[in-house]
PDB file of N, CA and C in Angstrom:
ATOM      1  N   MET A   1     -53.777  24.043-116.372  1.00  0.00           N
ATOM      2  CA  MET A   1     -54.244  23.161-115.214  1.00  0.00           C
ATOM      3  C   MET A   1     -53.045  23.206-114.496  1.00  0.00           C
ATOM      4  N   GLN A   2     -51.907  23.109-114.557  1.00  0.00           N
ATOM      5  CA  GLN A   2     -50.317  23.104-114.039  1.00  0.00           C
ATOM      6  C   GLN A   2     -50.617  24.384-113.315  1.00  0.00           C
ATOM      7  N   ASP A   3     -50.717  25.411-114.563  1.00  0.00           N
ATOM      8  CA  ASP A   3     -50.663  27.045-114.213  1.00  0.00           C
ATOM      9  C   ASP A   3     -51.775  26.850-113.120  1.00  0.00           C
ATOM     10  N   GLY A   4     -52.339  26.868-113.336  1.00  0.00           N
ATOM     11  CA  GLY A   4     -54.018  27.019-112.701  1.00  0.00           C
ATOM     12  C   GLY A   4     -53.509  26.415-110.899  1.00  0.00           C
ATOM     13  N   GLY A   5     -52.500  25.140-110.923  1.00  0.00           N
ATOM     14  CA  GLY A   5     -52.692  24.664-109.495  1.00  0.00           C
ATOM     15  C   GLY A   5     -51.040  25.370-109.081  1.00  0.00           C
ATOM     16  N   GLY A   6     -50.597  25.876-109.824  1.00  0.00           N
ATOM     17  CA  GLY A   6     -49.101  26.416-109.352  1.00  0.00           C
ATOM     18  C   GLY A   6     -49.333  27.986-108.742  1.00  0.00           C
ATOM     19  N   LEU A   7     -50.044  28.277-109.111  1.00  0.00           N
ATOM     20  CA  LEU A   7     -51.280  29.936-108.750  1.00  0.00           C
ATOM     21  C   LEU A   7     -51.983  29.664-107.623  1.00  0.00           C
ATOM     22  N   PHE A   8     -52.675  28.347-107.452  1.00  0.00           N
ATOM     23  CA  PHE A   8     -53.136  28.255-105.739  1.00  0.00           C
ATOM     24  C   PHE A   8     -52.296  27.887-105.151  1.00  0.00           C
ATOM     25  N   ILE A   9     -51.325  27.000-105.506  1.00  0.00           N
ATOM     26  CA  ILE A   9     -49.966  26.457-104.256  1.00  0.00           C
ATOM     27  C   ILE A   9     -49.659  28.221-103.947  1.00  0.00           C
ATOM     28  N   SER A  10     -49.369  28.849-104.727  1.00  0.00           N
ATOM     29  CA  SER A  10     -48.561  30.127-104.478  1.00  0.00           C
ATOM     30  C   SER A  10     -49.406  31.015-103.561  1.00  0.00           C
ATOM     31  N   LYS A  11     -50.873  31.230-103.604  1.00  0.00           N
ATOM     32  CA  LYS A  11     -51.474  31.853-103.390  1.00  0.00           C
ATOM     33  C   LYS A  11     -51.684  31.290-101.321  1.00  0.00           C
ATOM     34  N   THR A  12     -51.738  29.971-101.450  1.00  0.00           N
ATOM     35  CA  THR A  12     -52.349  29.397-100.265  1.00  0.00           C
ATOM     36  C   THR A  12     -50.752  29.819 -99.578  1.00  0.00           C
ATOM     37  N   ASN A  13     -49.798  29.728-100.561  1.00  0.00           N
ATOM     38  CA  ASN A  13     -48.358  29.530-100.044  1.00  0.00           C
ATOM     39  C   ASN A  13     -48.354  31.036 -99.144  1.00  0.00           C
ATOM     40  N   GLU A  14     -49.112  32.137 -99.663  1.00  0.00           N
ATOM     41  CA  GLU A  14     -49.092  33.547 -99.518  1.00  0.00           C
ATOM     42  C   GLU A  14     -49.482  33.429 -98.241  1.00  0.00           C
ATOM     43  N   LEU A  15     -50.905  33.279 -98.079  1.00  0.00           N
ATOM     44  CA  LEU A  15     -52.090  33.146 -96.851  1.00  0.00           C
ATOM     45  C   LEU A  15     -51.484  32.195 -95.470  1.00  0.00           C
ATOM     46  N   PHE A  16     -50.702  31.290 -95.740  1.00  0.00           N
ATOM     47  CA  PHE A  16     -49.680  30.439 -94.492  1.00  0.00           C
ATOM     48  C   PHE A  16     -49.084  31.190 -93.971  1.00  0.00           C
ATOM     49  N   GLN A  17     -48.245  32.034 -94.937  1.00  0.00           N
ATOM     50  CA  GLN A  17     -46.737  33.312 -94.149  1.00  0.00           C
ATOM     51  C   GLN A  17     -47.915  34.223 -93.760  1.00  0.00           C
ATOM     52  N   CYS A  18     -48.449  34.835 -94.368  1.00  0.00           N
ATOM     53  CA  CYS A  18     -49.645  35.632 -93.544  1.00  0.00           C
ATOM     54  C   CYS A  18     -49.748  34.934 -92.005  1.00  0.00           C
ATOM     55  N   ALA A  19     -50.732  34.030 -91.887  1.00  0.00           N
ATOM     56  CA  ALA A  19     -50.921  33.975 -90.860  1.00  0.00           C
ATOM     57  C   ALA A  19     -49.685  33.464 -90.229  1.00  0.00           C
ATOM     58  N   ASN A  20     -48.942  33.041 -90.346  1.00  0.00           N
ATOM     59  CA  ASN A  20     -47.824  32.680 -89.152  1.00  0.00           C
ATOM     60  C   ASN A  20     -47.512  34.271 -89.210  1.00  0.00           C
ATOM     61  N   LYS A  21     -47.402  35.612 -89.699  1.00  0.00           N
ATOM     62  CA  LYS A  21     -46.691  36.500 -88.706  1.00  0.00           C
ATOM     63  C   LYS A  21     -47.806  36.750 -87.593  1.00  0.00           C
ATOM     64  N   HIS A  22     -48.783  36.916 -88.303  1.00  0.00           N
ATOM     65  CA  HIS A  22     -49.989  36.867 -87.560  1.00  0.00           C
ATOM     66  C   HIS A  22     -49.935  36.063 -85.673  1.00  0.00           C
ATOM     67  N   LEU A  23     -50.027  35.068 -86.069  1.00  0.00           N
ATOM     68  CA  LEU A  23     -49.552  33.684 -85.114  1.00  0.00           C
ATOM     69  C   LEU A  23     -48.873  34.280 -84.295  1.00  0.00           C
ATOM     70  N   PHE A  24     -47.464  34.581 -84.873  1.00  0.00           N
ATOM     71  CA  PHE A  24     -46.256  34.884 -84.231  1.00  0.00           C
ATOM     72  C   PHE A  24     -46.325  36.134 -83.199  1.00  0.00           C
ATOM     73  N   PHE A  25     -47.498  37.100 -83.923  1.00  0.00           N
ATOM     74  CA  PHE A  25     -47.327  38.636 -82.811  1.00  0.00           C
ATOM     75  C   PHE A  25     -48.054  38.185 -82.180  1.00  0.00           C
ATOM     76  N   PHE A  26     -49.102  37.272 -82.855  1.00  0.00           N
ATOM     77  CA  PHE A  26     -50.841  36.580 -81.216  1.00  0.00           C
ATOM     78  C   PHE A  26     -49.532  36.564 -79.963  1.00  0.00           C
ATOM     79  N   PHE A  27     -49.186  35.451 -80.360  1.00  0.00           N
ATOM     80  CA  PHE A  27     -47.889  34.490 -78.753  1.00  0.00           C
ATOM     81  C   PHE A  27     -46.978  35.672 -78.201  1.00  0.00           C
ATOM     82  N   ILE A  28     -46.486  36.614 -78.845  1.00  0.00           N
ATOM     83  CA  ILE A  28     -46.123  37.951 -78.470  1.00  0.00           C
ATOM     84  C   ILE A  28     -46.979  39.034 -77.751  1.00  0.00           C
ATOM     85  N   PHE A  29     -47.931  39.222 -77.742  1.00  0.00           N
ATOM     86  CA  PHE A  29     -48.509  39.795 -77.221  1.00  0.00           C
ATOM     87  C   PHE A  29     -49.577  39.052 -75.837  1.00  0.00           C
ATOM     88  N   CYS A  30     -50.037  38.094 -76.383  1.00  0.00           N
ATOM     89  CA  CYS A  30     -50.632  37.057 -75.172  1.00  0.00           C
ATOM     90  C   CYS A  30     -49.208  36.639 -74.224  1.00  0.00           C
TER      91      CYS A  30
END
Protein backbone atom coordinates (compact mmCIF):
# COMPACT_ATOMS: atom_id res chain seq x y z
CA MET A 1 0.00 0.00 0.00
CA GLN A 2 2.72 2.48 0.98
CA ASP A 3 4.79 1.66 -2.11
CA GLY A 4 1.74 2.15 -4.35
CA GLY A 5 0.95 5.45 -2.62
CA GLY A 6 4.53 6.66 -3.06
CA LEU A 7 4.46 5.70 -6.73
CA PHE A 8 1.16 7.56 -7.17
CA ILE A 9 2.56 10.65 -5.46
CA SER A 10 5.73 10.60 -7.57
CA LYS A 11 3.66 10.21 -10.75
CA THR A 12 1.35 13.11 -9.86
CA ASN A 13 4.43 15.17 -8.94
CA GLU A 14 5.89 14.52 -12.40
CA LEU A 15 2.60 15.55 -14.00
CA PHE A 16 2.52 18.77 -11.98
CA GLN A 17 6.10 19.60 -12.98
CA CYS A 18 5.28 18.93 -16.64
CA ALA A 19 2.11 21.06 -16.43
CA ASN A 20 4.04 23.88 -14.73
CA LYS A 21 6.56 23.92 -17.59
CA HIS A 22 3.78 24.04 -20.18
CA LEU A 23 1.95 26.81 -18.30
CA PHE A 24 5.24 28.72 -18.02
CA PHE A 25 5.79 28.61 -21.80
CA PHE A 26 2.10 29.32 -22.40
CA PHE A 27 2.28 32.54 -20.38
CA ILE A 28 5.49 33.57 -22.19
CA PHE A 29 3.95 33.08 -25.64
CA CYS A 30 0.78 34.87 -24.57
